Amino acid sequence: MAWVYILECADRSLYTGATLRLERRLKQHETGRGAKYTRSRLPVKLVHAEWVADWSDALSIEAGIKRMPIDLKRALVLLGRESFDSWFLQRSAFKGKTLAEVFSERESEL
């Protein structure tokens, strides 16, 4: 069981990560001992977190979010996972597929 999370940095950029211990990881980011990316962009604020059944799924979701354009990341933050997935399904460009299905297909193509 793991967490996938998104932080908003002081410069309004978004950082996505995965961890087994969310509270501990947030403290690391907040004190400048987290990722190199966030160290120079303090303070950071947790804007999205989702609980995932296993570590491998968490890493896949993290990678997928990192590949998303910024506007989709901001939509995920604003809407939350369930609403975002519903909204995403309605986008005709993806032919009714969930975000997870789109990423899974693209990974298998690589």
PDB file of N, CA and C in Angstrom:
ATOM      1  N   MET A   1       0.829  -1.166   0.000  1.00  0.00           N
ATOM      2  CA  MET A   1       0.000   0.000   0.000  1.00  0.00           C
ATOM      3  C   MET A   1       0.883   1.242   0.000  1.00  0.00           C
ATOM      4  N   ALA A   2       0.518   2.185  -0.856  1.00  0.00           N
ATOM      5  CA  ALA A   2       1.372   3.350  -1.057  1.00  0.00           C
ATOM      6  C   ALA A   2       0.540   4.591  -1.368  1.00  0.00           C
ATOM      7  N   TRP A   3       1.220   5.711  -1.385  1.00  0.00           N
ATOM      8  CA  TRP A   3       0.609   6.995  -1.713  1.00  0.00           C
ATOM      9  C   TRP A   3       1.232   7.564  -2.970  1.00  0.00           C
ATOM     10  N   VAL A   4       0.417   8.194  -3.778  1.00  0.00           N
ATOM     11  CA  VAL A   4       0.881   9.031  -4.885  1.00  0.00           C
ATOM     12  C   VAL A   4       0.420  10.434  -4.511  1.00  0.00           C
ATOM     13  N   TYR A   5       1.318  11.402  -4.627  1.00  0.00           N
ATOM     14  CA  TYR A   5       0.979  12.742  -4.161  1.00  0.00           C
ATOM     15  C   TYR A   5       1.491  13.807  -5.125  1.00  0.00           C
ATOM     16  N   ILE A   6       0.874  14.980  -5.031  1.00  0.00           N
ATOM     17  CA  ILE A   6       1.307  16.133  -5.815  1.00  0.00           C
ATOM     18  C   ILE A   6       1.490  17.296  -4.857  1.00  0.00           C
ATOM     19  N   LEU A   7       2.633  17.956  -4.981  1.00  0.00           N
ATOM     20  CA  LEU A   7       2.928  19.149  -4.201  1.00  0.00           C
ATOM     21  C   LEU A   7       2.903  20.360  -5.112  1.00  0.00           C
ATOM     22  N   GLU A   8       2.408  21.462  -4.600  1.00  0.00           N
ATOM     23  CA  GLU A   8       2.542  22.723  -5.316  1.00  0.00           C
ATOM     24  C   GLU A   8       3.688  23.473  -4.653  1.00  0.00           C
ATOM     25  N   CYS A   9       4.651  23.887  -5.475  1.00  0.00           N
ATOM     26  CA  CYS A   9       5.832  24.589  -4.971  1.00  0.00           C
ATOM     27  C   CYS A   9       5.580  26.087  -4.929  1.00  0.00           C
ATOM     28  N   ALA A  10       6.494  26.805  -4.287  1.00  0.00           N
ATOM     29  CA  ALA A  10       6.370  28.259  -4.146  1.00  0.00           C
ATOM     30  C   ALA A  10       6.263  28.959  -5.497  1.00  0.00           C
ATOM     31  N   ASP A  11       6.895  28.408  -6.531  1.00  0.00           N
ATOM     32  CA  ASP A  11       6.835  29.019  -7.873  1.00  0.00           C
ATOM     33  C   ASP A  11       5.616  28.550  -8.668  1.00  0.00           C
ATOM     34  N   ARG A  12       4.672  27.870  -7.991  1.00  0.00           N
ATOM     35  CA  ARG A  12       3.427  27.340  -8.567  1.00  0.00           C
ATOM     36  C   ARG A  12       3.641  26.122  -9.464  1.00  0.00           C
ATOM     37  N   SER A  13       4.857  25.616  -9.564  1.00  0.00           N
ATOM     38  CA  SER A  13       5.076  24.379 -10.308  1.00  0.00           C
ATOM     39  C   SER A  13       4.554  23.219  -9.462  1.00  0.00           C
ATOM     40  N   LEU A  14       4.345  22.068 -10.102  1.00  0.00           N
ATOM     41  CA  LEU A  14       3.825  20.893  -9.411  1.00  0.00           C
ATOM     42  C   LEU A  14       4.885  19.795  -9.409  1.00  0.00           C
ATOM     43  N   TYR A  15       5.001  19.128  -8.273  1.00  0.00           N
ATOM     44  CA  TYR A  15       5.922  18.002  -8.129  1.00  0.00           C
ATOM     45  C   TYR A  15       5.096  16.776  -7.780  1.00  0.00           C
ATOM     46  N   THR A  16       5.337  15.677  -8.472  1.00  0.00           N
ATOM     47  CA  THR A  16       4.617  14.425  -8.218  1.00  0.00           C
ATOM     48  C   THR A  16       5.572  13.384  -7.650  1.00  0.00           C
ATOM     49  N   GLY A  17       5.122  12.651  -6.643  1.00  0.00           N
ATOM     50  CA  GLY A  17       5.948  11.613  -6.043  1.00  0.00           C
ATOM     51  C   GLY A  17       5.110  10.451  -5.563  1.00  0.00           C
ATOM     52  N   ALA A  18       5.800   9.404  -5.127  1.00  0.00           N
ATOM     53  CA  ALA A  18       5.144   8.223  -4.548  1.00  0.00           C
ATOM     54  C   ALA A  18       5.930   7.846  -3.292  1.00  0.00           C
ATOM     55  N   THR A  19       5.222   7.371  -2.295  1.00  0.00           N
ATOM     56  CA  THR A  19       5.876   7.002  -1.040  1.00  0.00           C
ATOM     57  C   THR A  19       5.035   5.985  -0.287  1.00  0.00           C
ATOM     58  N   LEU A  20       5.669   5.287   0.620  1.00  0.00           N
ATOM     59  CA  LEU A  20       4.944   4.376   1.499  1.00  0.00           C
ATOM     60  C   LEU A  20       4.485   5.097   2.761  1.00  0.00           C
ATOM     61  N   ARG A  21       5.178   6.177   3.122  1.00  0.00           N
ATOM     62  CA  ARG A  21       4.873   6.918   4.355  1.00  0.00           C
ATOM     63  C   ARG A  21       4.722   8.403   4.031  1.00  0.00           C
ATOM     64  N   LEU A  22       3.503   8.807   3.749  1.00  0.00           N
ATOM     65  CA  LEU A  22       3.221  10.155   3.261  1.00  0.00           C
ATOM     66  C   LEU A  22       3.634  11.246   4.253  1.00  0.00           C
ATOM     67  N   GLU A  23       3.248  11.105   5.494  1.00  0.00           N
ATOM     68  CA  GLU A  23       3.545  12.151   6.477  1.00  0.00           C
ATOM     69  C   GLU A  23       5.055  12.392   6.596  1.00  0.00           C
ATOM     70  N   ARG A  24       5.800  11.300   6.668  1.00  0.00           N
ATOM     71  CA  ARG A  24       7.262  11.400   6.775  1.00  0.00           C
ATOM     72  C   ARG A  24       7.850  12.066   5.531  1.00  0.00           C
ATOM     73  N   ARG A  25       7.361  11.671   4.365  1.00  0.00           N
ATOM     74  CA  ARG A  25       7.880  12.229   3.111  1.00  0.00           C
ATOM     75  C   ARG A  25       7.578  13.723   2.999  1.00  0.00           C
ATOM     76  N   LEU A  26       6.390  14.136   3.418  1.00  0.00           N
ATOM     77  CA  LEU A  26       6.036  15.557   3.386  1.00  0.00           C
ATOM     78  C   LEU A  26       6.976  16.368   4.270  1.00  0.00           C
ATOM     79  N   LYS A  27       7.289  15.846   5.447  1.00  0.00           N
ATOM     80  CA  LYS A  27       8.216  16.543   6.348  1.00  0.00           C
ATOM     81  C   LYS A  27       9.592  16.675   5.699  1.00  0.00           C
ATOM     82  N   GLN A  28      10.015  15.639   4.977  1.00  0.00           N
ATOM     83  CA  GLN A  28      11.298  15.705   4.276  1.00  0.00           C
ATOM     84  C   GLN A  28      11.279  16.829   3.239  1.00  0.00           C
ATOM     85  N   HIS A  29      10.208  16.894   2.469  1.00  0.00           N
ATOM     86  CA  HIS A  29      10.092  17.963   1.471  1.00  0.00           C
ATOM     87  C   HIS A  29      10.084  19.338   2.147  1.00  0.00           C
ATOM     88  N   GLU A  30       9.291  19.483   3.194  1.00  0.00           N
ATOM     89  CA  GLU A  30       9.133  20.772   3.868  1.00  0.00           C
ATOM     90  C   GLU A  30      10.425  21.278   4.497  1.00  0.00           C
ATOM     91  N   THR A  31      11.294  20.356   4.891  1.00  0.00           N
ATOM     92  CA  THR A  31      12.549  20.752   5.535  1.00  0.00           C
ATOM     93  C   THR A  31      13.729  20.782   4.564  1.00  0.00           C
ATOM     94  N   GLY A  32      13.447  20.634   3.272  1.00  0.00           N
ATOM     95  CA  GLY A  32      14.515  20.708   2.279  1.00  0.00           C
ATOM     96  C   GLY A  32      15.317  19.438   2.122  1.00  0.00           C
ATOM     97  N   ARG A  33      14.853  18.336   2.724  1.00  0.00           N
ATOM     98  CA  ARG A  33      15.548  17.059   2.592  1.00  0.00           C
ATOM     99  C   ARG A  33      14.820  16.101   1.656  1.00  0.00           C
ATOM    100  N   GLY A  34      13.851  16.637   0.904  1.00  0.00           N
ATOM    101  CA  GLY A  34      13.102  15.814  -0.048  1.00  0.00           C
ATOM    102  C   GLY A  34      13.819  15.793  -1.379  1.00  0.00           C
ATOM    103  N   ALA A  35      13.078  15.807  -2.425  1.00  0.00           N
ATOM    104  CA  ALA A  35      13.642  15.759  -3.776  1.00  0.00           C
ATOM    105  C   ALA A  35      14.433  17.032  -4.082  1.00  0.00           C
ATOM    106  N   LYS A  36      15.442  16.891  -4.905  1.00  0.00           N
ATOM    107  CA  LYS A  36      16.257  18.028  -5.318  1.00  0.00           C
ATOM    108  C   LYS A  36      15.384  19.123  -5.941  1.00  0.00           C
ATOM    109  N   TYR A  37      14.373  18.713  -6.705  1.00  0.00           N
ATOM    110  CA  TYR A  37      13.484  19.659  -7.379  1.00  0.00           C
ATOM    111  C   TYR A  37      12.791  20.587  -6.380  1.00  0.00           C
ATOM    112  N   THR A  38      12.309  20.035  -5.284  1.00  0.00           N
ATOM    113  CA  THR A  38      11.534  20.846  -4.340  1.00  0.00           C
ATOM    114  C   THR A  38      12.420  21.675  -3.405  1.00  0.00           C
ATOM    115  N   ARG A  39      13.656  21.279  -3.212  1.00  0.00           N
ATOM    116  CA  ARG A  39      14.544  21.998  -2.279  1.00  0.00           C
ATOM    117  C   ARG A  39      14.662  23.476  -2.595  1.00  0.00           C
ATOM    118  N   SER A  40      14.725  23.795  -3.878  1.00  0.00           N
ATOM    119  CA  SER A  40      14.902  25.198  -4.262  1.00  0.00           C
ATOM    120  C   SER A  40      13.567  25.899  -4.524  1.00  0.00           C
ATOM    121  N   ARG A  41      12.473  25.227  -4.215  1.00  0.00           N
ATOM    122  CA  ARG A  41      11.151  25.794  -4.487  1.00  0.00           C
ATOM    123  C   ARG A  41      10.264  25.801  -3.240  1.00  0.00           C
ATOM    124  N   LEU A  42      10.871  25.920  -2.092  1.00  0.00           N
ATOM    125  CA  LEU A  42      10.130  25.921  -0.831  1.00  0.00           C
ATOM    126  C   LEU A  42       9.428  27.259  -0.628  1.00  0.00           C
ATOM    127  N   PRO A  43       8.330  27.304   0.074  1.00  0.00           N
ATOM    128  CA  PRO A  43       7.660  26.164   0.696  1.00  0.00           C
ATOM    129  C   PRO A  43       6.822  25.379  -0.316  1.00  0.00           C
ATOM    130  N   VAL A  44       6.508  24.146   0.072  1.00  0.00           N
ATOM    131  CA  VAL A  44       5.652  23.300  -0.756  1.00  0.00           C
ATOM    132  C   VAL A  44       4.353  23.032   0.003  1.00  0.00           C
ATOM    133  N   LYS A  45       3.307  22.728  -0.757  1.00  0.00           N
ATOM    134  CA  LYS A  45       1.997  22.457  -0.156  1.00  0.00           C
ATOM    135  C   LYS A  45       1.410  21.213  -0.811  1.00  0.00           C
ATOM    136  N   LEU A  46       0.917  20.294  -0.014  1.00  0.00           N
ATOM    137  CA  LEU A  46       0.255  19.099  -0.538  1.00  0.00           C
ATOM    138  C   LEU A  46      -1.075  19.506  -1.148  1.00  0.00           C
ATOM    139  N   VAL A  47      -1.263  19.206  -2.441  1.00  0.00           N
ATOM    140  CA  VAL A  47      -2.516  19.575  -3.111  1.00  0.00           C
ATOM    141  C   VAL A  47      -3.311  18.358  -3.593  1.00  0.00           C
ATOM    142  N   HIS A  48      -2.675  17.195  -3.582  1.00  0.00           N
ATOM    143  CA  HIS A  48      -3.381  15.973  -4.004  1.00  0.00           C
ATOM    144  C   HIS A  48      -2.650  14.772  -3.424  1.00  0.00           C
ATOM    145  N   ALA A  49      -3.419  13.807  -2.931  1.00  0.00           N
ATOM    146  CA  ALA A  49      -2.849  12.540  -2.463  1.00  0.00           C
ATOM    147  C   ALA A  49      -3.882  11.447  -2.689  1.00  0.00           C
ATOM    148  N   GLU A  50      -3.405  10.306  -3.153  1.00  0.00           N
ATOM    149  CA  GLU A  50      -4.312   9.168  -3.319  1.00  0.00           C
ATOM    150  C   GLU A  50      -3.624   7.888  -2.847  1.00  0.00           C
ATOM    151  N   TRP A  51      -4.403   7.066  -2.172  1.00  0.00           N
ATOM    152  CA  TRP A  51      -3.957   5.791  -1.626  1.00  0.00           C
ATOM    153  C   TRP A  51      -4.050   4.750  -2.730  1.00  0.00           C
ATOM    154  N   VAL A  52      -2.992   3.983  -2.932  1.00  0.00           N
ATOM    155  CA  VAL A  52      -2.940   2.995  -4.004  1.00  0.00           C
ATOM    156  C   VAL A  52      -2.670   1.620  -3.391  1.00  0.00           C
ATOM    157  N   ALA A  53      -3.271   0.590  -3.956  1.00  0.00           N
ATOM    158  CA  ALA A  53      -3.203  -0.758  -3.390  1.00  0.00           C
ATOM    159  C   ALA A  53      -1.786  -1.317  -3.286  1.00  0.00           C
ATOM    160  N   ASP A  54      -0.963  -1.111  -4.293  1.00  0.00           N
ATOM    161  CA  ASP A  54       0.401  -1.633  -4.168  1.00  0.00           C
ATOM    162  C   ASP A  54       1.433  -0.695  -4.783  1.00  0.00           C
ATOM    163  N   TRP A  55       2.683  -0.934  -4.405  1.00  0.00           N
ATOM    164  CA  TRP A  55       3.796  -0.059  -4.772  1.00  0.00           C
ATOM    165  C   TRP A  55       3.977   0.027  -6.285  1.00  0.00           C
ATOM    166  N   SER A  56       3.850  -1.081  -6.955  1.00  0.00           N
ATOM    167  CA  SER A  56       4.043  -1.063  -8.407  1.00  0.00           C
ATOM    168  C   SER A  56       2.980  -0.211  -9.107  1.00  0.00           C
ATOM    169  N   ASP A  57       1.731  -0.280  -8.629  1.00  0.00           N
ATOM    170  CA  ASP A  57       0.676   0.590  -9.168  1.00  0.00           C
ATOM    171  C   ASP A  57       0.986   2.058  -8.875  1.00  0.00           C
ATOM    172  N   ALA A  58       1.482   2.322  -7.682  1.00  0.00           N
ATOM    173  CA  ALA A  58       1.819   3.696  -7.298  1.00  0.00           C
ATOM    174  C   ALA A  58       2.879   4.266  -8.234  1.00  0.00           C
ATOM    175  N   LEU A  59       3.897   3.472  -8.534  1.00  0.00           N
ATOM    176  CA  LEU A  59       4.958   3.943  -9.428  1.00  0.00           C
ATOM    177  C   LEU A  59       4.433   4.179 -10.840  1.00  0.00           C
ATOM    178  N   SER A  60       3.516   3.339 -11.297  1.00  0.00           N
ATOM    179  CA  SER A  60       2.920   3.529 -12.625  1.00  0.00           C
ATOM    180  C   SER A  60       2.079   4.803 -12.673  1.00  0.00           C
ATOM    181  N   ILE A  61       1.285   5.016 -11.631  1.00  0.00           N
ATOM    182  CA  ILE A  61       0.449   6.210 -11.581  1.00  0.00           C
ATOM    183  C   ILE A  61       1.331   7.455 -11.489  1.00  0.00           C
ATOM    184  N   GLU A  62       2.355   7.395 -10.653  1.00  0.00           N
ATOM    185  CA  GLU A  62       3.288   8.526 -10.531  1.00  0.00           C
ATOM    186  C   GLU A  62       3.904   8.869 -11.883  1.00  0.00           C
ATOM    187  N   ALA A  63       4.383   7.857 -12.587  1.00  0.00           N
ATOM    188  CA  ALA A  63       4.995   8.080 -13.905  1.00  0.00           C
ATOM    189  C   ALA A  63       3.985   8.665 -14.884  1.00  0.00           C
ATOM    190  N   GLY A  64       2.760   8.169 -14.826  1.00  0.00           N
ATOM    191  CA  GLY A  64       1.719   8.682 -15.710  1.00  0.00           C
ATOM    192  C   GLY A  64       1.408  10.144 -15.442  1.00  0.00           C
ATOM    193  N   ILE A  65       1.309  10.494 -14.169  1.00  0.00           N
ATOM    194  CA  ILE A  65       1.024  11.884 -13.823  1.00  0.00           C
ATOM    195  C   ILE A  65       2.183  12.781 -14.252  1.00  0.00           C
ATOM    196  N   LYS A  66       3.402  12.312 -14.053  1.00  0.00           N
ATOM    197  CA  LYS A  66       4.570  13.112 -14.447  1.00  0.00           C
ATOM    198  C   LYS A  66       4.581  13.391 -15.951  1.00  0.00           C
ATOM    199  N   ARG A  67       4.019  12.488 -16.734  1.00  0.00           N
ATOM    200  CA  ARG A  67       3.978  12.680 -18.197  1.00  0.00           C
ATOM    201  C   ARG A  67       2.811  13.556 -18.650  1.00  0.00           C
ATOM    202  N   MET A  68       1.878  13.825 -17.760  1.00  0.00           N
ATOM    203  CA  MET A  68       0.699  14.618 -18.120  1.00  0.00           C
ATOM    204  C   MET A  68       1.083  16.077 -18.367  1.00  0.00           C
ATOM    205  N   PRO A  69       0.418  16.721 -19.306  1.00  0.00           N
ATOM    206  CA  PRO A  69       0.609  18.161 -19.459  1.00  0.00           C
ATOM    207  C   PRO A  69       0.122  18.875 -18.187  1.00  0.00           C
ATOM    208  N   ILE A  70       0.672  20.033 -17.932  1.00  0.00           N
ATOM    209  CA  ILE A  70       0.360  20.762 -16.699  1.00  0.00           C
ATOM    210  C   ILE A  70      -1.131  21.031 -16.538  1.00  0.00           C
ATOM    211  N   ASP A  71      -1.840  21.287 -17.626  1.00  0.00           N
ATOM    212  CA  ASP A  71      -3.275  21.569 -17.484  1.00  0.00           C
ATOM    213  C   ASP A  71      -4.041  20.341 -16.985  1.00  0.00           C
ATOM    214  N   LEU A  72      -3.635  19.142 -17.399  1.00  0.00           N
ATOM    215  CA  LEU A  72      -4.288  17.929 -16.890  1.00  0.00           C
ATOM    216  C   LEU A  72      -3.931  17.697 -15.427  1.00  0.00           C
ATOM    217  N   LYS A  73      -2.687  17.978 -15.044  1.00  0.00           N
ATOM    218  CA  LYS A  73      -2.297  17.838 -13.634  1.00  0.00           C
ATOM    219  C   LYS A  73      -3.131  18.780 -12.771  1.00  0.00           C
ATOM    220  N   ARG A  74      -3.300  20.007 -13.233  1.00  0.00           N
ATOM    221  CA  ARG A  74      -4.084  20.980 -12.458  1.00  0.00           C
ATOM    222  C   ARG A  74      -5.555  20.551 -12.383  1.00  0.00           C
ATOM    223  N   ALA A  75      -6.069  19.935 -13.454  1.00  0.00           N
ATOM    224  CA  ALA A  75      -7.443  19.415 -13.434  1.00  0.00           C
ATOM    225  C   ALA A  75      -7.568  18.294 -12.402  1.00  0.00           C
ATOM    226  N   LEU A  76      -6.585  17.420 -12.337  1.00  0.00           N
ATOM    227  CA  LEU A  76      -6.588  16.337 -11.353  1.00  0.00           C
ATOM    228  C   LEU A  76      -6.602  16.914  -9.937  1.00  0.00           C
ATOM    229  N   VAL A  77      -5.763  17.904  -9.697  1.00  0.00           N
ATOM    230  CA  VAL A  77      -5.709  18.550  -8.376  1.00  0.00           C
ATOM    231  C   VAL A  77      -7.053  19.194  -8.041  1.00  0.00           C
ATOM    232  N   LEU A  78      -7.615  19.895  -8.990  1.00  0.00           N
ATOM    233  CA  LEU A  78      -8.871  20.620  -8.775  1.00  0.00           C
ATOM    234  C   LEU A  78     -10.064  19.682  -8.573  1.00  0.00           C
ATOM    235  N   LEU A  79     -10.147  18.639  -9.396  1.00  0.00           N
ATOM    236  CA  LEU A  79     -11.324  17.767  -9.389  1.00  0.00           C
ATOM    237  C   LEU A  79     -11.231  16.577  -8.437  1.00  0.00           C
ATOM    238  N   GLY A  80     -10.021  16.124  -8.127  1.00  0.00           N
ATOM    239  CA  GLY A  80      -9.857  14.881  -7.380  1.00  0.00           C
ATOM    240  C   GLY A  80      -9.922  13.705  -8.345  1.00  0.00           C
ATOM    241  N   ARG A  81      -9.479  12.541  -7.922  1.00  0.00           N
ATOM    242  CA  ARG A  81      -9.340  11.384  -8.816  1.00  0.00           C
ATOM    243  C   ARG A  81     -10.653  10.953  -9.442  1.00  0.00           C
ATOM    244  N   GLU A  82     -11.701  10.754  -8.653  1.00  0.00           N
ATOM    245  CA  GLU A  82     -12.958  10.237  -9.211  1.00  0.00           C
ATOM    246  C   GLU A  82     -13.555  11.177 -10.242  1.00  0.00           C
ATOM    247  N   SER A  83     -13.674  12.442  -9.886  1.00  0.00           N
ATOM    248  CA  SER A  83     -14.247  13.413 -10.820  1.00  0.00           C
ATOM    249  C   SER A  83     -13.354  13.589 -12.040  1.00  0.00           C
ATOM    250  N   PHE A  84     -12.047  13.565 -11.812  1.00  0.00           N
ATOM    251  CA  PHE A  84     -11.112  13.706 -12.925  1.00  0.00           C
ATOM    252  C   PHE A  84     -11.283  12.549 -13.910  1.00  0.00           C
ATOM    253  N   ASP A  85     -11.364  11.317 -13.387  1.00  0.00           N
ATOM    254  CA  ASP A  85     -11.534  10.159 -14.271  1.00  0.00           C
ATOM    255  C   ASP A  85     -12.830  10.257 -15.068  1.00  0.00           C
ATOM    256  N   SER A  86     -13.908  10.725 -14.422  1.00  0.00           N
ATOM    257  CA  SER A  86     -15.187  10.913 -15.122  1.00  0.00           C
ATOM    258  C   SER A  86     -15.046  11.942 -16.233  1.00  0.00           C
ATOM    259  N   TRP A  87     -14.450  13.060 -15.884  1.00  0.00           N
ATOM    260  CA  TRP A  87     -14.239  14.138 -16.859  1.00  0.00           C
ATOM    261  C   TRP A  87     -13.364  13.649 -18.010  1.00  0.00           C
ATOM    262  N   PHE A  88     -12.315  12.908 -17.677  1.00  0.00           N
ATOM    263  CA  PHE A  88     -11.378  12.411 -18.682  1.00  0.00           C
ATOM    264  C   PHE A  88     -12.078  11.453 -19.648  1.00  0.00           C
ATOM    265  N   LEU A  89     -12.974  10.603 -19.108  1.00  0.00           N
ATOM    266  CA  LEU A  89     -13.718   9.655 -19.942  1.00  0.00           C
ATOM    267  C   LEU A  89     -14.560  10.364 -20.995  1.00  0.00           C
ATOM    268  N   GLN A  90     -15.020  11.551 -20.661  1.00  0.00           N
ATOM    269  CA  GLN A  90     -15.891  12.293 -21.577  1.00  0.00           C
ATOM    270  C   GLN A  90     -15.125  12.985 -22.703  1.00  0.00           C
ATOM    271  N   ARG A  91     -13.824  13.058 -22.582  1.00  0.00           N
ATOM    272  CA  ARG A  91     -13.031  13.715 -23.623  1.00  0.00           C
ATOM    273  C   ARG A  91     -12.948  12.790 -24.835  1.00  0.00           C
ATOM    274  N   SER A  92     -13.476  13.202 -25.942  1.00  0.00           N
ATOM    275  CA  SER A  92     -13.579  12.344 -27.120  1.00  0.00           C
ATOM    276  C   SER A  92     -12.219  11.928 -27.689  1.00  0.00           C
ATOM    277  N   ALA A  93     -11.195  12.732 -27.460  1.00  0.00           N
ATOM    278  CA  ALA A  93      -9.876  12.408 -28.008  1.00  0.00           C
ATOM    279  C   ALA A  93      -9.356  11.075 -27.472  1.00  0.00           C
ATOM    280  N   PHE A  94      -9.849  10.642 -26.315  1.00  0.00           N
ATOM    281  CA  PHE A  94      -9.362   9.405 -25.723  1.00  0.00           C
ATOM    282  C   PHE A  94     -10.356   8.262 -25.853  1.00  0.00           C
ATOM    283  N   LYS A  95     -11.415   8.468 -26.611  1.00  0.00           N
ATOM    284  CA  LYS A  95     -12.385   7.424 -26.957  1.00  0.00           C
ATOM    285  C   LYS A  95     -12.923   6.665 -25.748  1.00  0.00           C
ATOM    286  N   GLY A  96     -13.250   7.396 -24.692  1.00  0.00           N
ATOM    287  CA  GLY A  96     -13.882   6.774 -23.533  1.00  0.00           C
ATOM    288  C   GLY A  96     -12.971   5.960 -22.644  1.00  0.00           C
ATOM    289  N   LYS A  97     -11.663   6.088 -22.791  1.00  0.00           N
ATOM    290  CA  LYS A  97     -10.731   5.325 -21.963  1.00  0.00           C
ATOM    291  C   LYS A  97     -10.351   6.120 -20.730  1.00  0.00           C
ATOM    292  N   THR A  98     -10.127   5.406 -19.632  1.00  0.00           N
ATOM    293  CA  THR A  98      -9.660   6.081 -18.426  1.00  0.00           C
ATOM    294  C   THR A  98      -8.205   6.475 -18.618  1.00  0.00           C
ATOM    295  N   LEU A  99      -7.756   7.362 -17.772  1.00  0.00           N
ATOM    296  CA  LEU A  99      -6.360   7.797 -17.820  1.00  0.00           C
ATOM    297  C   LEU A  99      -5.421   6.602 -17.628  1.00  0.00           C
ATOM    298  N   ALA A 100      -5.757   5.720 -16.705  1.00  0.00           N
ATOM    299  CA  ALA A 100      -4.928   4.534 -16.455  1.00  0.00           C
ATOM    300  C   ALA A 100      -4.827   3.660 -17.714  1.00  0.00           C
ATOM    301  N   GLU A 101      -5.930   3.504 -18.439  1.00  0.00           N
ATOM    302  CA  GLU A 101      -5.914   2.699 -19.670  1.00  0.00           C
ATOM    303  C   GLU A 101      -5.049   3.347 -20.745  1.00  0.00           C
ATOM    304  N   VAL A 102      -5.142   4.666 -20.861  1.00  0.00           N
ATOM    305  CA  VAL A 102      -4.327   5.378 -21.858  1.00  0.00           C
ATOM    306  C   VAL A 102      -2.853   5.187 -21.542  1.00  0.00           C
ATOM    307  N   PHE A 103      -2.469   5.384 -20.269  1.00  0.00           N
ATOM    308  CA  PHE A 103      -1.059   5.236 -19.891  1.00  0.00           C
ATOM    309  C   PHE A 103      -0.586   3.801 -20.075  1.00  0.00           C
ATOM    310  N   SER A 104      -1.438   2.851 -19.732  1.00  0.00           N
ATOM    311  CA  SER A 104      -1.070   1.443 -19.865  1.00  0.00           C
ATOM    312  C   SER A 104      -0.806   1.090 -21.326  1.00  0.00           C
ATOM    313  N   GLU A 105      -1.661   1.570 -22.220  1.00  0.00           N
ATOM    314  CA  GLU A 105      -1.471   1.319 -23.649  1.00  0.00           C
ATOM    315  C   GLU A 105      -0.175   1.957 -24.152  1.00  0.00           C
ATOM    316  N   ARG A 106       0.082   3.169 -23.718  1.00  0.00           N
ATOM    317  CA  ARG A 106       1.289   3.862 -24.182  1.00  0.00           C
ATOM    318  C   ARG A 106       2.540   3.181 -23.656  1.00  0.00           C
ATOM    319  N   GLU A 107       2.510   2.679 -22.424  1.00  0.00           N
ATOM    320  CA  GLU A 107       3.663   1.974 -21.876  1.00  0.00           C
ATOM    321  C   GLU A 107       3.927   0.686 -22.642  1.00  0.00           C
ATOM    322  N   SER A 108       2.857  -0.016 -23.023  1.00  0.00           N
ATOM    323  CA  SER A 108       3.036  -1.280 -23.751  1.00  0.00           C
ATOM    324  C   SER A 108       3.558  -1.033 -25.173  1.00  0.00           C
ATOM    325  N   GLU A 109       3.342   0.178 -25.702  1.00  0.00           N
ATOM    326  CA  GLU A 109       3.835   0.502 -27.034  1.00  0.00           C
ATOM    327  C   GLU A 109       5.340   0.777 -27.034  1.00  0.00           C
ATOM    328  N   LEU A 110       5.887   1.128 -25.862  1.00  0.00           N
ATOM    329  CA  LEU A 110       7.316   1.471 -25.782  1.00  0.00           C
ATOM    330  C   LEU A 110       8.201   0.268 -25.824  1.00  0.00           C
TER     331      LEU A 110
END
